[in-house]
Amino acid sequence: MVAVNDEKLKSIAYQTFEITCYMFPLEEWELEEEGVQPPGDGSTSAFVRFDGAAEGAMEIRVTPELFDAIAENMLGMEEGDDSLKEGALCEIANIICGNTVPAFAKGNDICYIRPPEILDDPDKLKEFKGLETETVQVFLDEGVAEITIYLKSE
């Protein structure tokens, strides 16, 4: 089990989406009624590495609908190109990671958060697959995000 609990991670994610993207949490059954599926084929992922006081990574996978809506809502535009959408998703990943990682910090040590990247090659996360993980899904009025924390244990 990772040092941050599910509810804390969900709270950070919901607050980030609400403040930056004007999106609001829904109950899972509300999305099921609309036929929205969790991230799968066609989803887009961003990840952020961190090291120092804690070592690991955070990945956020979003449904295609959410991927589009993040950029549209953050940037106030009807439709953005892929680079704008990827940049917006990376910024969300950066914010969520930056607010989550302090829970892992050892003492007063500093945790360094590396620049977020789009996960265009699943092998980029290969080095983190053996670490402790915690995965949560957040259900929003625009789609579903799945957030996974990979944390090296002491």
Protein backbone atom coordinates (compact mmCIF):
# COMPACT_ATOMS: atom_id res chain seq x y z
CA MET A 1 0.00 0.00 0.00
CA VAL A 2 1.30 3.42 -0.98
CA ALA A 3 1.68 6.12 1.71
CA VAL A 4 -1.33 8.13 0.49
CA ASN A 5 -4.78 6.63 0.81
CA ASP A 6 -7.38 6.37 -1.94
CA GLU A 7 -9.61 9.10 -0.55
CA LYS A 8 -6.73 11.59 -0.23
CA LEU A 9 -5.61 10.96 -3.81
CA LYS A 10 -9.19 11.25 -5.08
CA SER A 11 -9.67 14.47 -3.14
CA ILE A 12 -6.54 16.00 -4.68
CA ALA A 13 -7.61 14.90 -8.16
CA TYR A 14 -11.20 16.16 -7.82
CA GLN A 15 -10.02 19.51 -6.47
CA THR A 16 -7.50 19.87 -9.33
CA PHE A 17 -10.09 19.09 -12.00
CA GLU A 18 -12.65 21.40 -10.39
CA ILE A 19 -10.32 24.39 -10.05
CA THR A 20 -8.39 24.09 -13.30
CA CYS A 21 -10.95 22.54 -15.66
CA TYR A 22 -14.33 23.46 -14.15
CA MET A 23 -15.24 19.77 -13.94
CA PHE A 24 -17.22 18.21 -11.16
CA PRO A 25 -17.26 14.77 -9.55
CA LEU A 26 -19.98 12.29 -10.33
CA GLU A 27 -20.88 8.98 -8.81
CA GLU A 28 -19.87 5.95 -10.84
CA TRP A 29 -23.52 4.99 -11.43
CA GLU A 30 -24.21 8.38 -13.02
CA LEU A 31 -21.58 7.71 -15.69
CA GLU A 32 -22.79 4.14 -16.19
CA GLU A 33 -26.24 5.50 -17.01
CA GLU A 34 -24.66 7.57 -19.77
CA GLY A 35 -22.55 4.63 -21.00
CA VAL A 36 -19.18 6.20 -20.16
CA GLN A 37 -16.45 3.58 -19.79
CA PRO A 38 -13.20 3.79 -17.78
CA PRO A 39 -9.98 4.50 -19.68
CA GLY A 40 -9.06 1.70 -22.05
CA ASP A 41 -8.33 1.53 -25.75
CA GLY A 42 -8.03 5.03 -27.14
CA SER A 43 -7.14 6.53 -23.76
CA THR A 44 -4.25 8.96 -23.37
CA SER A 45 -1.75 8.90 -20.50
CA ALA A 46 0.68 11.36 -19.01
CA PHE A 47 3.24 10.55 -16.36
CA VAL A 48 5.47 12.41 -13.95
CA ARG A 49 8.62 11.03 -12.31
CA PHE A 50 9.69 12.13 -8.86
CA ASP A 51 12.79 11.49 -6.78
CA GLY A 52 14.65 12.77 -3.74
CA ALA A 53 12.59 12.37 -0.57
CA ALA A 54 10.48 9.83 -2.46
CA GLU A 55 11.13 7.95 -5.67
CA GLY A 56 8.60 6.81 -8.22
CA ALA A 57 6.12 8.10 -10.76
CA MET A 58 2.50 9.02 -11.22
CA GLU A 59 0.47 8.12 -14.31
CA ILE A 60 -2.88 9.58 -15.27
CA ARG A 61 -4.94 7.89 -18.00
CA VAL A 62 -8.01 9.64 -19.33
CA THR A 63 -10.88 8.71 -21.59
CA PRO A 64 -10.91 10.35 -25.05
CA GLU A 65 -13.84 12.58 -24.00
CA LEU A 66 -11.99 13.79 -20.92
CA PHE A 67 -8.77 14.31 -22.90
CA ASP A 68 -10.62 16.72 -25.22
CA ALA A 69 -12.54 18.46 -22.44
CA ILE A 70 -9.47 19.15 -20.27
CA ALA A 71 -7.87 21.37 -22.92
CA GLU A 72 -11.16 22.95 -23.97
CA ASN A 73 -12.03 23.92 -20.40
CA MET A 74 -8.54 24.94 -19.29
CA LEU A 75 -7.83 27.01 -22.38
CA GLY A 76 -11.35 28.26 -23.05
CA MET A 77 -11.42 26.98 -26.62
CA GLU A 78 -13.87 24.96 -28.65
CA GLU A 79 -11.35 22.51 -30.03
CA GLY A 80 -7.61 22.31 -29.60
CA ASP A 81 -4.95 20.48 -31.53
CA ASP A 82 -3.23 17.41 -30.08
CA SER A 83 -0.23 19.35 -28.75
CA LEU A 84 -2.49 21.67 -26.73
CA LYS A 85 -4.48 18.71 -25.41
CA GLU A 86 -1.29 16.89 -24.44
CA GLY A 87 0.08 20.01 -22.74
CA ALA A 88 -3.12 20.44 -20.74
CA LEU A 89 -3.10 16.79 -19.62
CA CYS A 90 0.56 17.09 -18.62
CA GLU A 91 -0.26 20.16 -16.54
CA ILE A 92 -3.05 18.28 -14.73
CA ALA A 93 -0.62 15.42 -14.05
CA ASN A 94 1.95 17.90 -12.75
CA ILE A 95 -0.53 19.55 -10.38
CA ILE A 96 -1.91 16.29 -9.00
CA CYS A 97 1.58 14.83 -8.55
CA GLY A 98 2.87 18.01 -6.92
CA ASN A 99 0.05 17.93 -4.39
CA THR A 100 0.33 14.20 -3.72
CA VAL A 101 4.09 13.63 -3.41
CA PRO A 102 4.55 15.55 -0.12
CA ALA A 103 2.67 12.69 1.56
CA PHE A 104 5.64 10.45 0.70
CA ALA A 105 8.42 12.84 1.78
CA LYS A 106 10.83 11.55 4.40
CA GLY A 107 11.45 14.15 7.07
CA ASN A 108 12.26 17.59 5.71
CA ASP A 109 13.90 16.23 2.56
CA ILE A 110 13.00 17.72 -0.79
CA CYS A 111 11.15 15.78 -3.43
CA TYR A 112 11.97 16.70 -7.02
CA ILE A 113 9.16 16.50 -9.52
CA ARG A 114 10.36 16.02 -13.08
CA PRO A 115 8.60 17.53 -16.12
CA PRO A 116 5.48 15.60 -17.11
CA GLU A 117 5.44 13.64 -20.36
CA ILE A 118 2.84 12.03 -22.57
CA LEU A 119 3.15 8.28 -22.29
CA ASP A 120 3.57 7.46 -25.96
CA ASP A 121 5.52 4.27 -25.22
CA PRO A 122 4.35 1.98 -22.38
CA ASP A 123 7.96 0.84 -21.89
CA LYS A 124 8.67 4.23 -20.28
CA LEU A 125 6.93 2.94 -17.14
CA LYS A 126 8.59 -0.48 -17.22
CA GLU A 127 11.10 0.50 -14.52
CA PHE A 128 8.24 1.32 -12.13
CA LYS A 129 6.20 -1.88 -12.57
CA GLY A 130 7.82 -3.66 -9.61
CA LEU A 131 7.14 -0.81 -7.16
CA GLU A 132 4.28 -0.40 -4.73
CA THR A 133 1.23 0.93 -6.55
CA GLU A 134 -2.03 2.63 -5.74
CA THR A 135 -4.66 3.18 -8.44
CA VAL A 136 -7.85 5.20 -8.18
CA GLN A 137 -10.49 6.20 -10.67
CA VAL A 138 -12.11 9.61 -10.56
CA PHE A 139 -15.49 10.09 -12.19
CA LEU A 140 -16.12 13.53 -13.64
CA ASP A 141 -18.95 15.11 -15.57
CA GLU A 142 -16.70 15.00 -18.67
CA GLY A 143 -15.28 11.47 -18.36
CA VAL A 144 -13.10 9.19 -16.26
CA ALA A 145 -9.47 9.46 -15.15
CA GLU A 146 -7.41 6.64 -13.71
CA ILE A 147 -4.47 7.71 -11.56
CA THR A 148 -1.70 5.31 -10.56
CA ILE A 149 1.08 6.09 -8.12
CA TYR A 150 4.26 3.98 -8.37
CA LEU A 151 6.38 4.32 -5.22
CA LYS A 152 9.73 2.78 -4.32
CA SER A 153 9.54 1.38 -0.82
CA GLU A 154 12.34 1.93 1.68
